[in-house]
mmCIF file of all heavy atoms, coordinates in Angstrom:
data_MODEL
# 
_entry.id   MODEL 
# 
loop_
_atom_site.group_PDB 
_atom_site.id 
_atom_site.type_symbol 
_atom_site.label_atom_id 
_atom_site.label_alt_id 
_atom_site.label_comp_id 
_atom_site.label_asym_id 
_atom_site.label_entity_id 
_atom_site.label_seq_id 
_atom_site.pdbx_PDB_ins_code 
_atom_site.Cartn_x 
_atom_site.Cartn_y 
_atom_site.Cartn_z 
_atom_site.occupancy 
_atom_site.B_iso_or_equiv 
_atom_site.pdbx_formal_charge 
_atom_site.auth_seq_id 
_atom_site.auth_comp_id 
_atom_site.auth_asym_id 
_atom_site.auth_atom_id 
_atom_site.pdbx_PDB_model_num 
ATOM 1   N N   . ALA A 1 1  ? -65.381 -77.527 45.463 1.00 0.00 ? 1  ALA A N   1 
ATOM 2   C CA  . ALA A 1 1  ? -64.013 -77.857 45.865 1.00 0.00 ? 1  ALA A CA  1 
ATOM 3   C C   . ALA A 1 1  ? -63.893 -79.325 46.263 1.00 0.00 ? 1  ALA A C   1 
ATOM 4   O O   . ALA A 1 1  ? -62.887 -79.980 45.970 1.00 0.00 ? 1  ALA A O   1 
ATOM 5   C CB  . ALA A 1 1  ? -63.576 -76.964 47.022 1.00 0.00 ? 1  ALA A CB  1 
ATOM 6   N N   . THR A 1 2  ? -64.923 -79.851 46.934 1.00 0.00 ? 2  THR A N   1 
ATOM 7   C CA  . THR A 1 2  ? -64.901 -81.268 47.315 1.00 0.00 ? 2  THR A CA  1 
ATOM 8   C C   . THR A 1 2  ? -64.954 -82.157 46.080 1.00 0.00 ? 2  THR A C   1 
ATOM 9   O O   . THR A 1 2  ? -64.233 -83.159 45.987 1.00 0.00 ? 2  THR A O   1 
ATOM 10  C CB  . THR A 1 2  ? -66.100 -81.578 48.236 1.00 0.00 ? 2  THR A CB  1 
ATOM 11  O OG1 . THR A 1 2  ? -66.043 -80.747 49.392 1.00 0.00 ? 2  THR A OG1 1 
ATOM 12  C CG2 . THR A 1 2  ? -66.090 -83.044 48.662 1.00 0.00 ? 2  THR A CG2 1 
ATOM 13  N N   . ARG A 1 3  ? -65.773 -81.774 45.111 1.00 0.00 ? 3  ARG A N   1 
ATOM 14  C CA  . ARG A 1 3  ? -65.862 -82.545 43.871 1.00 0.00 ? 3  ARG A CA  1 
ATOM 15  C C   . ARG A 1 3  ? -64.530 -82.525 43.120 1.00 0.00 ? 3  ARG A C   1 
ATOM 16  O O   . ARG A 1 3  ? -64.073 -83.556 42.598 1.00 0.00 ? 3  ARG A O   1 
ATOM 17  C CB  . ARG A 1 3  ? -66.982 -81.978 42.992 1.00 0.00 ? 3  ARG A CB  1 
ATOM 18  C CG  . ARG A 1 3  ? -67.287 -82.809 41.754 1.00 0.00 ? 3  ARG A CG  1 
ATOM 19  C CD  . ARG A 1 3  ? -68.332 -82.150 40.894 1.00 0.00 ? 3  ARG A CD  1 
ATOM 20  N NE  . ARG A 1 3  ? -69.611 -82.057 41.585 1.00 0.00 ? 3  ARG A NE  1 
ATOM 21  C CZ  . ARG A 1 3  ? -70.270 -80.920 41.807 1.00 0.00 ? 3  ARG A CZ  1 
ATOM 22  N NH1 . ARG A 1 3  ? -69.764 -79.768 41.398 1.00 0.00 ? 3  ARG A NH1 1 
ATOM 23  N NH2 . ARG A 1 3  ? -71.432 -80.936 42.420 1.00 0.00 ? 3  ARG A NH2 1 
ATOM 24  N N   . ASN A 1 4  ? -63.884 -81.372 43.083 1.00 0.00 ? 4  ASN A N   1 
ATOM 25  C CA  . ASN A 1 4  ? -62.593 -81.268 42.391 1.00 0.00 ? 4  ASN A CA  1 
ATOM 26  C C   . ASN A 1 4  ? -61.511 -82.087 43.093 1.00 0.00 ? 4  ASN A C   1 
ATOM 27  O O   . ASN A 1 4  ? -60.629 -82.662 42.443 1.00 0.00 ? 4  ASN A O   1 
ATOM 28  C CB  . ASN A 1 4  ? -62.160 -79.804 42.307 1.00 0.00 ? 4  ASN A CB  1 
ATOM 29  C CG  . ASN A 1 4  ? -63.035 -78.984 41.383 1.00 0.00 ? 4  ASN A CG  1 
ATOM 30  O OD1 . ASN A 1 4  ? -63.717 -79.528 40.509 1.00 0.00 ? 4  ASN A OD1 1 
ATOM 31  N ND2 . ASN A 1 4  ? -63.044 -77.673 41.569 1.00 0.00 ? 4  ASN A ND2 1 
ATOM 32  N N   . ALA A 1 5  ? -61.576 -82.145 44.426 1.00 0.00 ? 5  ALA A N   1 
ATOM 33  C CA  . ALA A 1 5  ? -60.552 -82.856 45.193 1.00 0.00 ? 5  ALA A CA  1 
ATOM 34  C C   . ALA A 1 5  ? -60.717 -84.363 45.125 1.00 0.00 ? 5  ALA A C   1 
ATOM 35  O O   . ALA A 1 5  ? -59.741 -85.107 45.281 1.00 0.00 ? 5  ALA A O   1 
ATOM 36  C CB  . ALA A 1 5  ? -60.576 -82.396 46.648 1.00 0.00 ? 5  ALA A CB  1 
ATOM 37  N N   . THR A 1 6  ? -61.938 -84.830 44.918 1.00 0.00 ? 6  THR A N   1 
ATOM 38  C CA  . THR A 1 6  ? -62.208 -86.269 45.002 1.00 0.00 ? 6  THR A CA  1 
ATOM 39  C C   . THR A 1 6  ? -62.653 -86.910 43.693 1.00 0.00 ? 6  THR A C   1 
ATOM 40  O O   . THR A 1 6  ? -62.585 -88.133 43.567 1.00 0.00 ? 6  THR A O   1 
ATOM 41  C CB  . THR A 1 6  ? -63.317 -86.527 46.043 1.00 0.00 ? 6  THR A CB  1 
ATOM 42  O OG1 . THR A 1 6  ? -64.532 -85.904 45.599 1.00 0.00 ? 6  THR A OG1 1 
ATOM 43  C CG2 . THR A 1 6  ? -62.914 -85.984 47.408 1.00 0.00 ? 6  THR A CG2 1 
ATOM 44  N N   . GLN A 1 7  ? -63.134 -86.098 42.753 1.00 0.00 ? 7  GLN A N   1 
ATOM 45  C CA  . GLN A 1 7  ? -63.710 -86.618 41.499 1.00 0.00 ? 7  GLN A CA  1 
ATOM 46  C C   . GLN A 1 7  ? -64.894 -87.547 41.777 1.00 0.00 ? 7  GLN A C   1 
ATOM 47  O O   . GLN A 1 7  ? -65.130 -88.523 41.062 1.00 0.00 ? 7  GLN A O   1 
ATOM 48  C CB  . GLN A 1 7  ? -62.647 -87.356 40.675 1.00 0.00 ? 7  GLN A CB  1 
ATOM 49  C CG  . GLN A 1 7  ? -61.443 -86.503 40.341 1.00 0.00 ? 7  GLN A CG  1 
ATOM 50  C CD  . GLN A 1 7  ? -61.812 -85.233 39.561 1.00 0.00 ? 7  GLN A CD  1 
ATOM 51  O OE1 . GLN A 1 7  ? -62.464 -85.302 38.525 1.00 0.00 ? 7  GLN A OE1 1 
ATOM 52  N NE2 . GLN A 1 7  ? -61.401 -84.086 40.089 1.00 0.00 ? 7  GLN A NE2 1 
ATOM 53  N N   . VAL A 1 8  ? -65.634 -87.218 42.839 1.00 0.00 ? 8  VAL A N   1 
ATOM 54  C CA  . VAL A 1 8  ? -66.792 -88.002 43.268 1.00 0.00 ? 8  VAL A CA  1 
ATOM 55  C C   . VAL A 1 8  ? -68.017 -87.082 43.243 1.00 0.00 ? 8  VAL A C   1 
ATOM 56  O O   . VAL A 1 8  ? -67.898 -85.890 43.537 1.00 0.00 ? 8  VAL A O   1 
ATOM 57  C CB  . VAL A 1 8  ? -66.561 -88.551 44.696 1.00 0.00 ? 8  VAL A CB  1 
ATOM 58  C CG1 . VAL A 1 8  ? -67.838 -89.097 45.316 1.00 0.00 ? 8  VAL A CG1 1 
ATOM 59  C CG2 . VAL A 1 8  ? -65.478 -89.628 44.678 1.00 0.00 ? 8  VAL A CG2 1 
ATOM 60  N N   . PRO A 1 9  ? -69.217 -87.579 42.900 1.00 0.00 ? 9  PRO A N   1 
ATOM 61  C CA  . PRO A 1 9  ? -70.427 -86.745 42.994 1.00 0.00 ? 9  PRO A CA  1 
ATOM 62  C C   . PRO A 1 9  ? -70.636 -86.235 44.415 1.00 0.00 ? 9  PRO A C   1 
ATOM 63  O O   . PRO A 1 9  ? -70.508 -86.995 45.375 1.00 0.00 ? 9  PRO A O   1 
ATOM 64  C CB  . PRO A 1 9  ? -71.549 -87.704 42.584 1.00 0.00 ? 9  PRO A CB  1 
ATOM 65  C CG  . PRO A 1 9  ? -70.881 -88.740 41.748 1.00 0.00 ? 9  PRO A CG  1 
ATOM 66  C CD  . PRO A 1 9  ? -69.505 -88.904 42.332 1.00 0.00 ? 9  PRO A CD  1 
ATOM 67  N N   . VAL A 1 10 ? -70.951 -84.934 44.558 1.00 0.00 ? 10 VAL A N   1 
ATOM 68  C CA  . VAL A 1 10 ? -71.109 -84.311 45.867 1.00 0.00 ? 10 VAL A CA  1 
ATOM 69  C C   . VAL A 1 10 ? -72.466 -83.618 45.920 1.00 0.00 ? 10 VAL A C   1 
ATOM 70  O O   . VAL A 1 10 ? -72.847 -82.917 44.979 1.00 0.00 ? 10 VAL A O   1 
ATOM 71  C CB  . VAL A 1 10 ? -69.985 -83.280 46.146 1.00 0.00 ? 10 VAL A CB  1 
ATOM 72  C CG1 . VAL A 1 10 ? -70.127 -82.708 47.564 1.00 0.00 ? 10 VAL A CG1 1 
ATOM 73  C CG2 . VAL A 1 10 ? -68.610 -83.927 45.972 1.00 0.00 ? 10 VAL A CG2 1 
ATOM 74  N N   . TYR A 1 11 ? -73.180 -83.801 47.045 1.00 0.00 ? 11 TYR A N   1 
ATOM 75  C CA  . TYR A 1 11 ? -74.531 -83.268 47.193 1.00 0.00 ? 11 TYR A CA  1 
ATOM 76  C C   . TYR A 1 11 ? -74.646 -82.478 48.497 1.00 0.00 ? 11 TYR A C   1 
ATOM 77  O O   . TYR A 1 11 ? -73.974 -82.777 49.488 1.00 0.00 ? 11 TYR A O   1 
ATOM 78  C CB  . TYR A 1 11 ? -75.570 -84.402 47.201 1.00 0.00 ? 11 TYR A CB  1 
ATOM 79  C CG  . TYR A 1 11 ? -75.539 -85.279 45.976 1.00 0.00 ? 11 TYR A CG  1 
ATOM 80  C CD1 . TYR A 1 11 ? -74.828 -86.487 45.982 1.00 0.00 ? 11 TYR A CD1 1 
ATOM 81  C CD2 . TYR A 1 11 ? -76.208 -84.916 44.816 1.00 0.00 ? 11 TYR A CD2 1 
ATOM 82  C CE1 . TYR A 1 11 ? -74.793 -87.302 44.860 1.00 0.00 ? 11 TYR A CE1 1 
ATOM 83  C CE2 . TYR A 1 11 ? -76.182 -85.726 43.690 1.00 0.00 ? 11 TYR A CE2 1 
ATOM 84  C CZ  . TYR A 1 11 ? -75.469 -86.911 43.710 1.00 0.00 ? 11 TYR A CZ  1 
ATOM 85  O OH  . TYR A 1 11 ? -75.441 -87.711 42.608 1.00 0.00 ? 11 TYR A OH  1 
ATOM 86  N N   . PHE A 1 12 ? -75.523 -81.478 48.471 1.00 0.00 ? 12 PHE A N   1 
ATOM 87  C CA  . PHE A 1 12 ? -75.792 -80.642 49.647 1.00 0.00 ? 12 PHE A CA  1 
ATOM 88  C C   . PHE A 1 12 ? -76.799 -81.342 50.549 1.00 0.00 ? 12 PHE A C   1 
ATOM 89  O O   . PHE A 1 12 ? -77.882 -81.726 50.116 1.00 0.00 ? 12 PHE A O   1 
ATOM 90  C CB  . PHE A 1 12 ? -76.348 -79.299 49.178 1.00 0.00 ? 12 PHE A CB  1 
ATOM 91  C CG  . PHE A 1 12 ? -76.637 -78.309 50.272 1.00 0.00 ? 12 PHE A CG  1 
ATOM 92  C CD1 . PHE A 1 12 ? -75.771 -78.139 51.340 1.00 0.00 ? 12 PHE A CD1 1 
ATOM 93  C CD2 . PHE A 1 12 ? -77.778 -77.512 50.220 1.00 0.00 ? 12 PHE A CD2 1 
ATOM 94  C CE1 . PHE A 1 12 ? -76.030 -77.211 52.346 1.00 0.00 ? 12 PHE A CE1 1 
ATOM 95  C CE2 . PHE A 1 12 ? -78.051 -76.579 51.201 1.00 0.00 ? 12 PHE A CE2 1 
ATOM 96  C CZ  . PHE A 1 12 ? -77.174 -76.431 52.264 1.00 0.00 ? 12 PHE A CZ  1 
ATOM 97  N N   . LEU A 1 13 ? -76.444 -81.527 51.823 1.00 0.00 ? 13 LEU A N   1 
ATOM 98  C CA  . LEU A 1 13 ? -77.334 -82.148 52.803 1.00 0.00 ? 13 LEU A CA  1 
ATOM 99  C C   . LEU A 1 13 ? -77.282 -81.343 54.097 1.00 0.00 ? 13 LEU A C   1 
ATOM 100 O O   . LEU A 1 13 ? -76.424 -81.565 54.949 1.00 0.00 ? 13 LEU A O   1 
ATOM 101 C CB  . LEU A 1 13 ? -76.941 -83.605 53.070 1.00 0.00 ? 13 LEU A CB  1 
ATOM 102 C CG  . LEU A 1 13 ? -77.957 -84.399 53.895 1.00 0.00 ? 13 LEU A CG  1 
ATOM 103 C CD1 . LEU A 1 13 ? -79.111 -84.870 53.007 1.00 0.00 ? 13 LEU A CD1 1 
ATOM 104 C CD2 . LEU A 1 13 ? -77.304 -85.594 54.579 1.00 0.00 ? 13 LEU A CD2 1 
ATOM 105 N N   . PRO A 1 14 ? -78.188 -80.365 54.272 1.00 0.00 ? 14 PRO A N   1 
ATOM 106 C CA  . PRO A 1 14 ? -78.178 -79.568 55.504 1.00 0.00 ? 14 PRO A CA  1 
ATOM 107 C C   . PRO A 1 14 ? -78.512 -80.427 56.722 1.00 0.00 ? 14 PRO A C   1 
ATOM 108 O O   . PRO A 1 14 ? -79.118 -81.498 56.608 1.00 0.00 ? 14 PRO A O   1 
ATOM 109 C CB  . PRO A 1 14 ? -79.283 -78.528 55.260 1.00 0.00 ? 14 PRO A CB  1 
ATOM 110 C CG  . PRO A 1 14 ? -79.606 -78.597 53.799 1.00 0.00 ? 14 PRO A CG  1 
ATOM 111 C CD  . PRO A 1 14 ? -79.267 -79.977 53.360 1.00 0.00 ? 14 PRO A CD  1 
ATOM 112 N N   . PHE A 1 15 ? -78.124 -79.939 57.888 1.00 0.00 ? 15 PHE A N   1 
ATOM 113 C CA  . PHE A 1 15 ? -78.487 -80.608 59.127 1.00 0.00 ? 15 PHE A CA  1 
ATOM 114 C C   . PHE A 1 15 ? -79.999 -80.546 59.324 1.00 0.00 ? 15 PHE A C   1 
ATOM 115 O O   . PHE A 1 15 ? -80.675 -79.619 58.864 1.00 0.00 ? 15 PHE A O   1 
ATOM 116 C CB  . PHE A 1 15 ? -77.799 -79.953 60.323 1.00 0.00 ? 15 PHE A CB  1 
ATOM 117 C CG  . PHE A 1 15 ? -76.314 -80.168 60.364 1.00 0.00 ? 15 PHE A CG  1 
ATOM 118 C CD1 . PHE A 1 15 ? -75.438 -79.137 60.057 1.00 0.00 ? 15 PHE A CD1 1 
ATOM 119 C CD2 . PHE A 1 15 ? -75.789 -81.409 60.708 1.00 0.00 ? 15 PHE A CD2 1 
ATOM 120 C CE1 . PHE A 1 15 ? -74.065 -79.332 60.098 1.00 0.00 ? 15 PHE A CE1 1 
ATOM 121 C CE2 . PHE A 1 15 ? -74.417 -81.617 60.748 1.00 0.00 ? 15 PHE A CE2 1 
ATOM 122 C CZ  . PHE A 1 15 ? -73.558 -80.567 60.436 1.00 0.00 ? 15 PHE A CZ  1 
ATOM 123 N N   . GLY A 1 16 ? -80.531 -81.543 60.014 1.00 0.00 ? 16 GLY A N   1 
ATOM 124 C CA  . GLY A 1 16 ? -81.956 -81.578 60.335 1.00 0.00 ? 16 GLY A CA  1 
ATOM 125 C C   . GLY A 1 16 ? -82.151 -81.769 61.826 1.00 0.00 ? 16 GLY A C   1 
ATOM 126 O O   . GLY A 1 16 ? -81.245 -81.538 62.631 1.00 0.00 ? 16 GLY A O   1 
ATOM 127 N N   . ALA A 1 17 ? -83.355 -82.200 62.194 1.00 0.00 ? 17 ALA A N   1 
ATOM 128 C CA  . ALA A 1 17 ? -83.679 -82.473 63.601 1.00 0.00 ? 17 ALA A CA  1 
ATOM 129 C C   . ALA A 1 17 ? -84.754 -83.553 63.641 1.00 0.00 ? 17 ALA A C   1 
ATOM 130 O O   . ALA A 1 17 ? -85.466 -83.767 62.659 1.00 0.00 ? 17 ALA A O   1 
ATOM 131 C CB  . ALA A 1 17 ? -84.158 -81.214 64.305 1.00 0.00 ? 17 ALA A CB  1 
ATOM 132 N N   . ASP A 1 18 ? -84.869 -84.217 64.777 1.00 0.00 ? 18 ASP A N   1 
ATOM 133 C CA  . ASP A 1 18 ? -85.890 -85.257 64.959 1.00 0.00 ? 18 ASP A CA  1 
ATOM 134 C C   . ASP A 1 18 ? -87.164 -84.591 65.461 1.00 0.00 ? 18 ASP A C   1 
ATOM 135 O O   . ASP A 1 18 ? -87.408 -84.495 66.662 1.00 0.00 ? 18 ASP A O   1 
ATOM 136 C CB  . ASP A 1 18 ? -85.399 -86.307 65.951 1.00 0.00 ? 18 ASP A CB  1 
ATOM 137 C CG  . ASP A 1 18 ? -86.342 -87.503 66.050 1.00 0.00 ? 18 ASP A CG  1 
ATOM 138 O OD1 . ASP A 1 18 ? -87.463 -87.439 65.512 1.00 0.00 ? 18 ASP A OD1 1 
ATOM 139 O OD2 . ASP A 1 18 ? -85.956 -88.506 66.675 1.00 0.00 ? 18 ASP A OD2 1 
ATOM 140 N N   . CYS A 1 19 ? -87.987 -84.147 64.514 1.00 0.00 ? 19 CYS A N   1 
ATOM 141 C CA  . CYS A 1 19 ? -89.204 -83.407 64.877 1.00 0.00 ? 19 CYS A CA  1 
ATOM 142 C C   . CYS A 1 19 ? -90.261 -84.308 65.512 1.00 0.00 ? 19 CYS A C   1 
ATOM 143 O O   . CYS A 1 19 ? -91.030 -83.849 66.364 1.00 0.00 ? 19 CYS A O   1 
ATOM 144 C CB  . CYS A 1 19 ? -89.782 -82.712 63.646 1.00 0.00 ? 19 CYS A CB  1 
ATOM 145 S SG  . CYS A 1 19 ? -88.678 -81.476 62.930 1.00 0.00 ? 19 CYS A SG  1 
ATOM 146 N N   . LEU A 1 20 ? -90.334 -85.550 65.108 1.00 0.00 ? 20 LEU A N   1 
ATOM 147 C CA  . LEU A 1 20 ? -91.321 -86.449 65.713 1.00 0.00 ? 20 LEU A CA  1 
ATOM 148 C C   . LEU A 1 20 ? -91.068 -86.620 67.200 1.00 0.00 ? 20 LEU A C   1 
ATOM 149 O O   . LEU A 1 20 ? -92.002 -86.806 67.983 1.00 0.00 ? 20 LEU A O   1 
ATOM 150 C CB  . LEU A 1 20 ? -91.291 -87.814 65.021 1.00 0.00 ? 20 LEU A CB  1 
ATOM 151 C CG  . LEU A 1 20 ? -91.948 -87.924 63.649 1.00 0.00 ? 20 LEU A CG  1 
ATOM 152 C CD1 . LEU A 1 20 ? -91.889 -89.358 63.137 1.00 0.00 ? 20 LEU A CD1 1 
ATOM 153 C CD2 . LEU A 1 20 ? -93.397 -87.433 63.678 1.00 0.00 ? 20 LEU A CD2 1 
ATOM 154 N N   . LYS A 1 21 ? -89.820 -86.536 67.594 1.00 0.00 ? 21 LYS A N   1 
ATOM 155 C CA  . LYS A 1 21 ? -89.475 -86.759 69.001 1.00 0.00 ? 21 LYS A CA  1 
ATOM 156 C C   . LYS A 1 21 ? -89.457 -85.466 69.806 1.00 0.00 ? 21 LYS A C   1 
ATOM 157 O O   . LYS A 1 21 ? -89.860 -85.455 70.973 1.00 0.00 ? 21 LYS A O   1 
ATOM 158 C CB  . LYS A 1 21 ? -88.101 -87.427 69.086 1.00 0.00 ? 21 LYS A CB  1 
ATOM 159 C CG  . LYS A 1 21 ? -87.699 -87.844 70.494 1.00 0.00 ? 21 LYS A CG  1 
ATOM 160 C CD  . LYS A 1 21 ? -86.424 -88.670 70.463 1.00 0.00 ? 21 LYS A CD  1 
ATOM 161 C CE  . LYS A 1 21 ? -86.055 -89.189 71.845 1.00 0.00 ? 21 LYS A CE  1 
ATOM 162 N NZ  . LYS A 1 21 ? -84.824 -90.007 71.820 1.00 0.00 ? 21 LYS A NZ  1 
ATOM 163 N N   . TYR A 1 22 ? -89.023 -84.365 69.203 1.00 0.00 ? 22 TYR A N   1 
ATOM 164 C CA  . TYR A 1 22 ? -88.721 -83.182 70.008 1.00 0.00 ? 22 TYR A CA  1 
ATOM 165 C C   . TYR A 1 22 ? -89.548 -81.934 69.695 1.00 0.00 ? 22 TYR A C   1 
ATOM 166 O O   . TYR A 1 22 ? -89.480 -80.969 70.454 1.00 0.00 ? 22 TYR A O   1 
ATOM 167 C CB  . TYR A 1 22 ? -87.241 -82.811 69.848 1.00 0.00 ? 22 TYR A CB  1 
ATOM 168 C CG  . TYR A 1 22 ? -86.285 -83.846 70.385 1.00 0.00 ? 22 TYR A CG  1 
ATOM 169 C CD1 . TYR A 1 22 ? -85.364 -84.469 69.553 1.00 0.00 ? 22 TYR A CD1 1 
ATOM 170 C CD2 . TYR A 1 22 ? -86.301 -84.194 71.729 1.00 0.00 ? 22 TYR A CD2 1 
ATOM 171 C CE1 . TYR A 1 22 ? -84.473 -85.413 70.047 1.00 0.00 ? 22 TYR A CE1 1 
ATOM 172 C CE2 . TYR A 1 22 ? -85.418 -85.135 72.233 1.00 0.00 ? 22 TYR A CE2 1 
ATOM 173 C CZ  . TYR A 1 22 ? -84.503 -85.747 71.384 1.00 0.00 ? 22 TYR A CZ  1 
ATOM 174 O OH  . TYR A 1 22 ? -83.632 -86.683 71.874 1.00 0.00 ? 22 TYR A OH  1 
ATOM 175 N N   . SER A 1 23 ? -90.288 -81.907 68.594 1.00 0.00 ? 23 SER A N   1 
ATOM 176 C CA  . SER A 1 23 ? -90.948 -80.654 68.220 1.00 0.00 ? 23 SER A CA  1 
ATOM 177 C C   . SER A 1 23 ? -92.115 -80.313 69.128 1.00 0.00 ? 23 SER A C   1 
ATOM 178 O O   . SER A 1 23 ? -92.963 -81.165 69.417 1.00 0.00 ? 23 SER A O   1 
ATOM 179 C CB  . SER A 1 23 ? -91.445 -80.729 66.774 1.00 0.00 ? 23 SER A CB  1 
ATOM 180 O OG  . SER A 1 23 ? -90.387 -80.546 65.884 1.00 0.00 ? 23 SER A OG  1 
ATOM 181 N N   . LYS A 1 24 ? -92.142 -79.046 69.557 1.00 0.00 ? 24 LYS A N   1 
ATOM 182 C CA  . LYS A 1 24 ? -93.249 -78.536 70.369 1.00 0.00 ? 24 LYS A CA  1 
ATOM 183 C C   . LYS A 1 24 ? -93.431 -77.053 70.073 1.00 0.00 ? 24 LYS A C   1 
ATOM 184 O O   . LYS A 1 24 ? -92.464 -76.310 69.937 1.00 0.00 ? 24 LYS A O   1 
ATOM 185 C CB  . LYS A 1 24 ? -92.980 -78.711 71.867 1.00 0.00 ? 24 LYS A CB  1 
ATOM 186 C CG  . LYS A 1 24 ? -93.115 -80.130 72.377 1.00 0.00 ? 24 LYS A CG  1 
ATOM 187 C CD  . LYS A 1 24 ? -92.926 -80.166 73.887 1.00 0.00 ? 24 LYS A CD  1 
ATOM 188 C CE  . LYS A 1 24 ? -93.063 -81.592 74.435 1.00 0.00 ? 24 LYS A CE  1 
ATOM 189 N NZ  . LYS A 1 24 ? -92.858 -81.632 75.901 1.00 0.00 ? 24 LYS A NZ  1 
ATOM 190 N N   . ALA A 1 25 ? -94.692 -76.638 69.977 1.00 0.00 ? 25 ALA A N   1 
ATOM 191 C CA  . ALA A 1 25 ? -95.016 -75.205 69.899 1.00 0.00 ? 25 ALA A CA  1 
ATOM 192 C C   . ALA A 1 25 ? -95.994 -74.949 71.034 1.00 0.00 ? 25 ALA A C   1 
ATOM 193 O O   . ALA A 1 25 ? -97.190 -75.133 70.889 1.00 0.00 ? 25 ALA A O   1 
ATOM 194 C CB  . ALA A 1 25 ? -95.624 -74.862 68.543 1.00 0.00 ? 25 ALA A CB  1 
# 
């Protein structure tokens, strides 16, 4: 729908996190 509305290439980019700073197990 975004591609149809804008005629621009559209790509999927999920949210991430700063693992180097915050990751802990």
